[in-house]
N, C-alpha and C. Protein backbone atom coordinates (compact mmCIF):
# COMPACT_ATOMS: atom_id res chain seq x y z
N MET A 1 49.26 -63.44 8.78
CA MET A 1 47.31 -62.49 9.10
C MET A 1 47.55 -62.15 10.43
N LEU A 2 48.33 -63.11 11.38
CA LEU A 2 48.14 -63.16 13.10
C LEU A 2 48.96 -61.95 13.29
N GLY A 3 49.95 -62.12 12.77
CA GLY A 3 50.85 -61.03 13.13
C GLY A 3 50.71 -59.73 12.53
N ILE A 4 50.12 -59.27 11.68
CA ILE A 4 49.48 -58.32 11.22
C ILE A 4 48.27 -57.60 12.26
N VAL A 5 47.72 -58.76 12.74
CA VAL A 5 46.85 -58.24 14.25
C VAL A 5 47.49 -57.65 15.35
N THR A 6 48.51 -58.81 15.34
CA THR A 6 49.06 -58.41 16.37
C THR A 6 50.12 -56.75 16.64
N ALA A 7 50.44 -57.37 15.81
CA ALA A 7 51.18 -55.57 15.31
C ALA A 7 50.53 -54.68 15.58
N GLY A 8 49.33 -54.30 15.00
CA GLY A 8 48.46 -53.25 14.76
C GLY A 8 47.54 -53.07 15.91
N VAL A 9 47.94 -54.28 16.52
CA VAL A 9 47.18 -53.51 18.15
C VAL A 9 47.90 -53.56 18.82
N ALA A 10 48.63 -54.29 19.46
CA ALA A 10 49.39 -54.82 20.31
C ALA A 10 49.73 -52.81 21.18
N PRO A 11 50.07 -52.14 20.48
CA PRO A 11 50.65 -51.16 20.71
C PRO A 11 49.45 -49.97 21.63
N GLY A 12 48.37 -50.43 20.55
CA GLY A 12 47.32 -49.67 21.14
C GLY A 12 46.76 -50.31 22.38
N LEU A 13 47.08 -51.45 22.92
CA LEU A 13 46.67 -51.78 23.63
C LEU A 13 47.96 -51.86 25.63
N ALA A 14 48.83 -51.80 24.34
CA ALA A 14 50.10 -50.94 25.44
C ALA A 14 50.02 -50.02 26.31
N LEU A 15 49.61 -48.61 25.15
CA LEU A 15 49.06 -47.47 25.70
C LEU A 15 47.92 -47.35 26.35
N LEU A 16 47.26 -48.20 26.44
CA LEU A 16 45.87 -48.35 27.13
C LEU A 16 45.92 -48.40 28.39
N SER A 17 47.10 -49.72 28.78
CA SER A 17 47.16 -50.24 30.12
C SER A 17 47.77 -49.40 30.34
N TYR A 18 49.30 -48.78 29.99
CA TYR A 18 49.62 -47.31 30.89
C TYR A 18 48.90 -46.41 30.99
N PHE A 19 47.98 -46.17 30.77
CA PHE A 19 47.34 -44.72 31.17
C PHE A 19 45.66 -45.57 31.79
N TYR A 20 45.74 -45.85 31.42
CA TYR A 20 45.03 -47.22 33.06
C TYR A 20 45.89 -47.27 34.58
N LEU A 21 46.28 -48.15 33.72
CA LEU A 21 47.22 -48.12 35.35
C LEU A 21 48.10 -47.05 36.04
N ARG A 22 48.17 -45.44 35.38
CA ARG A 22 48.48 -44.58 36.21
C ARG A 22 47.35 -44.28 36.88
N ASP A 23 46.54 -43.97 36.55
CA ASP A 23 45.02 -43.89 37.62
C ASP A 23 45.60 -44.47 39.11
N GLN A 24 45.75 -43.04 40.19
CA GLN A 24 46.51 -43.16 41.43
C GLN A 24 45.30 -43.39 42.49
N TYR A 25 43.92 -42.69 41.68
CA TYR A 25 42.79 -42.08 42.95
C TYR A 25 41.76 -43.61 42.54
N GLY A 26 41.70 -44.22 42.00
CA GLY A 26 40.75 -45.36 41.89
C GLY A 26 40.06 -45.73 40.08
N SER A 27 40.47 -46.80 40.34
CA SER A 27 40.05 -47.53 38.88
C SER A 27 39.08 -47.58 37.83
N GLU A 28 38.82 -47.67 36.75
CA GLU A 28 38.05 -47.22 36.84
C GLU A 28 37.63 -48.92 35.47
N PRO A 29 35.98 -48.62 35.96
CA PRO A 29 36.06 -50.79 35.52
C PRO A 29 36.38 -50.63 34.22
N LEU A 30 36.24 -52.29 34.43
CA LEU A 30 37.64 -52.03 32.78
C LEU A 30 35.77 -53.40 32.00
N SER A 31 35.27 -52.47 32.58
CA SER A 31 33.84 -52.97 31.14
C SER A 31 33.32 -51.93 30.77
N MET A 32 33.45 -50.77 30.86
CA MET A 32 33.84 -49.00 30.34
C MET A 32 34.37 -49.25 29.41
N VAL A 33 35.59 -49.19 30.55
CA VAL A 33 36.90 -48.84 29.02
C VAL A 33 37.13 -49.90 28.30
N PHE A 34 36.71 -51.51 27.75
CA PHE A 34 36.47 -51.91 27.10
C PHE A 34 35.35 -50.93 26.11
N LYS A 35 34.22 -51.17 26.68
CA LYS A 35 32.89 -50.75 26.00
C LYS A 35 33.27 -49.32 24.76
N MET A 36 34.45 -48.36 25.90
CA MET A 36 34.87 -47.05 24.87
C MET A 36 35.93 -47.27 24.07
N PHE A 37 36.61 -48.89 24.58
CA PHE A 37 37.38 -49.06 23.03
C PHE A 37 36.58 -49.48 21.78
N ILE A 38 35.76 -50.33 22.07
CA ILE A 38 34.77 -51.27 20.83
C ILE A 38 33.81 -49.58 20.44
N PHE A 39 33.31 -48.67 21.13
CA PHE A 39 32.85 -47.62 20.32
C PHE A 39 33.64 -47.01 19.60
N GLY A 40 35.19 -47.01 19.79
CA GLY A 40 35.92 -46.58 19.09
C GLY A 40 36.12 -47.15 18.14
N ALA A 41 35.98 -48.28 18.36
CA ALA A 41 36.67 -49.15 16.85
C ALA A 41 35.31 -49.05 15.94
N LEU A 42 34.68 -49.06 16.30
CA LEU A 42 33.09 -49.13 15.49
C LEU A 42 33.15 -47.31 14.56
N LEU A 43 33.49 -46.47 15.49
CA LEU A 43 33.74 -45.51 14.67
C LEU A 43 34.29 -44.95 13.14
N VAL A 44 34.98 -46.26 12.95
CA VAL A 44 36.13 -46.30 12.03
C VAL A 44 35.16 -45.92 11.16
N PHE A 45 34.23 -46.98 10.39
CA PHE A 45 33.55 -47.22 9.33
C PHE A 45 32.20 -46.47 9.09
N PRO A 46 31.40 -45.56 9.84
CA PRO A 46 31.00 -44.39 9.30
C PRO A 46 32.12 -43.28 8.88
N LEU A 47 32.99 -42.65 10.05
CA LEU A 47 34.08 -42.00 9.25
C LEU A 47 34.72 -42.57 7.70
N MET A 48 35.07 -43.43 7.67
CA MET A 48 35.95 -44.34 6.21
C MET A 48 34.95 -44.01 5.11
N PHE A 49 33.20 -43.86 5.94
CA PHE A 49 32.33 -43.76 4.63
C PHE A 49 32.55 -42.57 4.21
N ILE A 50 32.20 -41.49 5.26
CA ILE A 50 32.22 -40.26 5.43
C ILE A 50 33.24 -39.62 4.26
N GLN A 51 34.82 -39.54 4.56
CA GLN A 51 35.63 -39.39 4.61
C GLN A 51 36.35 -39.82 2.79
N TYR A 52 35.38 -40.68 2.90
CA TYR A 52 35.73 -41.58 1.11
C TYR A 52 34.41 -40.73 0.27
N VAL A 53 33.06 -40.26 0.95
CA VAL A 53 32.25 -39.34 0.03
C VAL A 53 33.00 -38.11 -0.10
N LEU A 54 33.28 -37.85 1.57
CA LEU A 54 34.48 -35.90 0.88
C LEU A 54 35.14 -36.12 -0.28
N SER A 55 36.15 -37.19 -0.21
CA SER A 55 37.09 -37.31 -1.16
C SER A 55 36.30 -37.06 -2.76
N VAL A 56 35.14 -37.96 -3.12
CA VAL A 56 34.93 -38.18 -4.41
C VAL A 56 34.35 -37.28 -4.83
N GLU A 57 33.64 -36.22 -3.90
CA GLU A 57 32.40 -35.15 -3.71
C GLU A 57 34.11 -33.63 -4.33
N GLY A 58 34.93 -34.23 -3.70
CA GLY A 58 35.97 -32.49 -3.60
C GLY A 58 36.12 -31.76 -2.46
N LEU A 59 34.87 -32.03 -2.38
CA LEU A 59 35.35 -30.99 -0.87
C LEU A 59 36.38 -30.24 -0.95
N PHE A 60 37.34 -31.46 -0.16
CA PHE A 60 38.56 -30.65 0.41
C PHE A 60 39.71 -31.08 -0.28
N GLN A 61 40.22 -30.29 -1.01
CA GLN A 61 40.92 -30.42 -1.90
C GLN A 61 42.17 -30.17 -1.75
N GLY A 62 42.71 -29.08 -0.71
CA GLY A 62 44.13 -28.69 -0.68
C GLY A 62 44.90 -29.89 0.34
N ASP A 63 45.99 -29.87 0.40
CA ASP A 63 46.09 -30.93 1.52
C ASP A 63 46.49 -30.52 2.79
N PHE A 64 45.98 -29.27 3.20
CA PHE A 64 45.93 -28.61 4.42
C PHE A 64 44.30 -28.30 4.41
N THR A 65 43.27 -28.06 4.04
CA THR A 65 42.37 -28.58 3.67
C THR A 65 41.53 -29.80 3.96
N LYS A 66 43.01 -30.19 3.57
CA LYS A 66 42.27 -31.98 3.80
C LYS A 66 42.71 -32.52 5.13
N ALA A 67 43.45 -32.49 5.57
CA ALA A 67 43.90 -32.71 6.48
C ALA A 67 43.05 -32.15 8.01
N PHE A 68 42.65 -31.63 7.88
CA PHE A 68 42.21 -30.07 8.53
C PHE A 68 40.56 -30.53 9.16
N GLY A 69 40.38 -30.90 7.93
CA GLY A 69 38.66 -31.01 7.18
C GLY A 69 38.10 -33.10 7.62
N THR A 70 39.22 -33.40 7.52
CA THR A 70 39.04 -34.62 7.26
C THR A 70 39.16 -35.22 8.94
N VAL A 71 40.65 -35.03 9.10
CA VAL A 71 41.11 -35.21 10.73
C VAL A 71 39.94 -34.33 11.87
N GLY A 72 40.78 -33.11 11.52
CA GLY A 72 39.82 -32.12 12.51
C GLY A 72 38.41 -31.85 12.68
N LEU A 73 37.66 -31.97 11.53
CA LEU A 73 36.52 -32.11 12.29
C LEU A 73 35.29 -33.40 12.29
N LEU A 74 36.07 -34.06 11.12
CA LEU A 74 34.96 -35.48 11.67
C LEU A 74 35.59 -36.34 12.85
N GLU A 75 36.82 -36.71 12.64
CA GLU A 75 37.32 -37.49 13.60
C GLU A 75 37.50 -37.24 15.02
N GLU A 76 37.54 -35.95 15.18
CA GLU A 76 37.13 -35.25 16.41
C GLU A 76 35.82 -34.71 17.26
N PHE A 77 34.96 -34.80 16.30
CA PHE A 77 33.83 -34.32 16.16
C PHE A 77 33.40 -35.05 16.64
N PHE A 78 33.39 -37.13 16.16
CA PHE A 78 32.78 -38.11 16.57
C PHE A 78 33.61 -38.72 18.11
N LYS A 79 34.76 -38.36 17.85
CA LYS A 79 34.95 -39.22 19.56
C LYS A 79 34.38 -38.13 20.54
N TRP A 80 34.73 -37.03 20.46
CA TRP A 80 33.82 -35.78 21.33
C TRP A 80 32.31 -36.90 20.96
N PHE A 81 31.67 -37.17 20.21
CA PHE A 81 30.47 -37.60 20.43
C PHE A 81 30.11 -38.60 21.10
N ILE A 82 30.71 -39.80 20.91
CA ILE A 82 30.90 -40.49 21.49
C ILE A 82 30.82 -40.93 23.39
N LEU A 83 32.47 -39.81 23.26
CA LEU A 83 32.16 -39.99 24.90
C LEU A 83 31.17 -38.44 25.52
N TYR A 84 30.54 -37.60 25.06
CA TYR A 84 29.48 -37.42 25.27
C TYR A 84 28.17 -37.86 25.47
N TYR A 85 27.84 -38.59 24.67
CA TYR A 85 26.96 -39.10 24.69
C TYR A 85 26.28 -40.27 25.87
N THR A 86 27.90 -40.69 25.60
CA THR A 86 27.79 -42.02 26.21
C THR A 86 28.27 -42.52 27.52
N ILE A 87 29.48 -41.22 28.16
CA ILE A 87 30.36 -41.85 29.48
C ILE A 87 29.97 -40.38 30.09
N PHE A 88 29.84 -39.09 29.22
CA PHE A 88 29.66 -37.42 30.48
C PHE A 88 28.73 -38.35 31.43
N GLN A 89 27.34 -38.79 31.47
CA GLN A 89 26.37 -38.68 32.50
C GLN A 89 26.65 -40.27 32.63
N HIS A 90 27.94 -41.22 32.59
CA HIS A 90 27.77 -42.23 33.50
C HIS A 90 27.83 -42.20 35.39
N ILE A 91 27.55 -43.32 35.78
CA ILE A 91 28.11 -42.81 36.98
C ILE A 91 29.74 -42.96 37.60
N SER A 92 29.95 -44.15 36.52
CA SER A 92 31.69 -43.89 36.72
C SER A 92 32.68 -43.16 36.79
N PHE A 93 31.88 -42.13 35.92
CA PHE A 93 32.86 -40.41 35.34
C PHE A 93 32.77 -39.80 36.21
N ASP A 94 33.68 -39.67 37.50
CA ASP A 94 33.95 -39.50 38.83
C ASP A 94 34.81 -38.30 38.78
N GLU A 95 36.28 -38.76 38.17
CA GLU A 95 37.47 -38.10 38.80
C GLU A 95 37.60 -36.92 37.34
N PRO A 96 38.33 -36.00 37.31
CA PRO A 96 39.32 -35.93 35.83
C PRO A 96 40.36 -36.13 35.23
N TYR A 97 40.50 -37.22 35.71
CA TYR A 97 41.41 -37.60 34.82
C TYR A 97 40.91 -39.52 34.26
N ASP A 98 39.37 -39.48 34.83
CA ASP A 98 38.50 -40.47 34.26
C ASP A 98 37.91 -40.41 32.57
N GLY A 99 38.15 -38.82 32.03
CA GLY A 99 37.43 -38.36 31.07
C GLY A 99 39.40 -38.53 30.21
N VAL A 100 40.16 -38.76 30.79
CA VAL A 100 41.37 -38.74 30.12
C VAL A 100 41.48 -40.55 29.65
N ILE A 101 41.57 -41.16 30.79
CA ILE A 101 40.87 -42.50 30.37
C ILE A 101 40.18 -43.11 29.30
N TYR A 102 39.30 -42.58 29.62
CA TYR A 102 37.61 -43.15 28.49
C TYR A 102 38.30 -41.51 26.94
N SER A 103 38.88 -41.21 26.73
CA SER A 103 39.28 -40.42 25.17
C SER A 103 40.30 -41.30 25.06
N VAL A 104 41.54 -41.59 25.45
CA VAL A 104 42.35 -42.80 25.26
C VAL A 104 41.98 -44.09 24.44
N ALA A 105 40.81 -44.23 25.09
CA ALA A 105 40.59 -46.01 25.09
C ALA A 105 39.56 -45.52 23.41
N VAL A 106 39.36 -44.30 23.20
CA VAL A 106 38.14 -44.10 21.88
C VAL A 106 39.81 -43.82 20.70
N SER A 107 40.26 -42.79 21.35
CA SER A 107 41.74 -42.87 20.34
C SER A 107 42.61 -43.49 20.01
N LEU A 108 42.54 -44.93 20.83
CA LEU A 108 43.09 -45.26 20.36
C LEU A 108 42.88 -46.85 19.73
N ALA A 109 41.27 -47.04 20.02
CA ALA A 109 40.59 -48.18 19.40
C ALA A 109 40.21 -47.75 17.52
N LEU A 110 40.23 -45.84 18.21
CA LEU A 110 39.50 -45.19 16.39
C LEU A 110 40.90 -46.00 15.35
N HIS A 111 42.16 -45.19 15.65
CA HIS A 111 43.55 -45.06 14.88
C HIS A 111 44.23 -46.60 14.87
N ARG A 112 43.97 -47.43 15.55
CA ARG A 112 44.62 -49.31 15.90
C ARG A 112 43.69 -49.56 14.94
N LEU A 113 42.59 -49.45 14.28
CA LEU A 113 41.21 -49.97 13.31
C LEU A 113 41.89 -49.25 12.27
N LYS A 114 41.99 -47.53 12.12
CA LYS A 114 42.85 -47.31 10.85
C LYS A 114 43.98 -48.05 9.83
N ILE A 115 44.72 -47.78 11.00
CA ILE A 115 46.31 -48.65 10.69
C ILE A 115 46.17 -50.15 9.83
N PHE A 116 45.00 -50.64 10.87
CA PHE A 116 44.95 -52.01 10.30
C PHE A 116 44.62 -52.36 9.24
N PHE A 117 43.27 -51.21 8.61
CA PHE A 117 42.89 -51.41 7.54
C PHE A 117 43.39 -50.88 6.42
N ILE A 118 44.98 -50.06 6.66
CA ILE A 118 45.84 -49.67 5.86
C ILE A 118 46.31 -51.00 5.66
N CYS A 119 46.99 -51.27 6.84
CA CYS A 119 47.82 -52.93 6.31
C CYS A 119 47.30 -53.90 5.49
N LEU A 120 46.21 -53.79 5.59
CA LEU A 120 45.53 -55.19 5.15
C LEU A 120 46.36 -55.86 4.00
N PRO A 121 46.04 -54.64 3.10
CA PRO A 121 45.79 -55.47 1.67
C PRO A 121 47.43 -55.07 1.24
N MET A 122 48.08 -54.64 2.52
CA MET A 122 50.42 -55.67 2.36
C MET A 122 50.66 -56.57 2.29
N ASP A 123 52.17 -56.49 1.80
CA ASP A 123 52.91 -57.99 2.06
C ASP A 123 53.05 -57.64 3.28
N PHE A 124 53.30 -58.63 4.17
CA PHE A 124 53.91 -58.27 5.65
C PHE A 124 55.33 -58.46 5.80
N ARG A 125 56.09 -58.86 4.34
CA ARG A 125 56.75 -59.14 4.23
C ARG A 125 57.93 -57.61 3.93
N THR A 126 57.32 -56.46 2.47
CA THR A 126 57.41 -55.55 3.19
C THR A 126 57.79 -54.56 3.63
N HIS A 127 58.21 -53.43 3.59
CA HIS A 127 58.84 -52.20 4.90
C HIS A 127 57.72 -51.86 4.94
N TRP A 128 56.83 -51.04 4.09
CA TRP A 128 55.94 -50.66 4.80
C TRP A 128 54.88 -51.23 5.58
N ALA A 129 54.64 -52.42 5.29
CA ALA A 129 53.72 -53.52 6.34
C ALA A 129 54.90 -52.86 8.41
N GLY A 130 56.05 -53.41 7.71
CA GLY A 130 56.78 -52.67 9.77
C GLY A 130 56.46 -51.39 9.98
N HIS A 131 56.51 -50.16 8.69
CA HIS A 131 56.31 -48.82 8.92
C HIS A 131 54.28 -48.40 9.52
N CYS A 132 53.65 -49.59 8.51
CA CYS A 132 52.44 -48.77 9.03
C CYS A 132 52.15 -49.74 10.78
N CYS A 133 52.47 -50.87 10.94
CA CYS A 133 52.15 -51.09 11.18
C CYS A 133 52.37 -51.46 13.52
N LEU A 134 53.73 -51.29 13.01
CA LEU A 134 54.71 -51.13 14.11
C LEU A 134 54.70 -49.71 14.85
N PHE A 135 55.37 -49.04 13.95
CA PHE A 135 55.63 -47.55 14.44
C PHE A 135 54.80 -46.71 15.19
N PRO A 136 53.42 -46.66 14.53
CA PRO A 136 52.29 -45.94 14.63
C PRO A 136 52.09 -45.26 15.70
N ALA A 137 52.44 -46.44 17.34
CA ALA A 137 51.98 -46.37 18.33
C ALA A 137 51.58 -44.83 18.78
N MET A 138 52.33 -43.86 18.20
CA MET A 138 52.79 -42.59 18.98
C MET A 138 51.50 -41.57 17.86
N ARG A 139 51.45 -41.94 17.25
CA ARG A 139 50.55 -41.13 16.18
C ARG A 139 49.35 -41.68 16.59
N SER A 140 49.56 -42.53 17.74
CA SER A 140 47.76 -43.06 18.19
C SER A 140 47.06 -42.35 18.39
N LEU A 141 48.17 -41.49 19.80
CA LEU A 141 48.34 -40.17 20.80
C LEU A 141 47.49 -38.98 19.70
N GLU A 142 47.46 -38.73 18.92
CA GLU A 142 46.40 -37.62 17.94
C GLU A 142 45.16 -36.98 18.70
């Protein structure tokens, strides 16, 4: 279980630290970056509920409309909503690159926790666990 958690979270934290360390003009407060990371992780639960309701209702039936309806509309709107209402008016948001750091924190946390919930019911000895937990670091940059 610890291996699944580590394999699921480590790529996201590595990418977040990469973007955080690339800030040349002034580092952001770690407390605010961590706060955005937590908010992004908490977005998983309402998004999963709304996506479940939409799948049960059959609102998006085709693969194309399902992909753009659930990912494009819901996930991106909720990420924008968190960023706009929590960080946009904050005093530490003073450079254009700050928006990149905070949005990367929200996005990585959201997708890392989603991937963790996908990998949770799987057995770590199967090849699917490695596929779900180790390789989707690139998917977190959506």
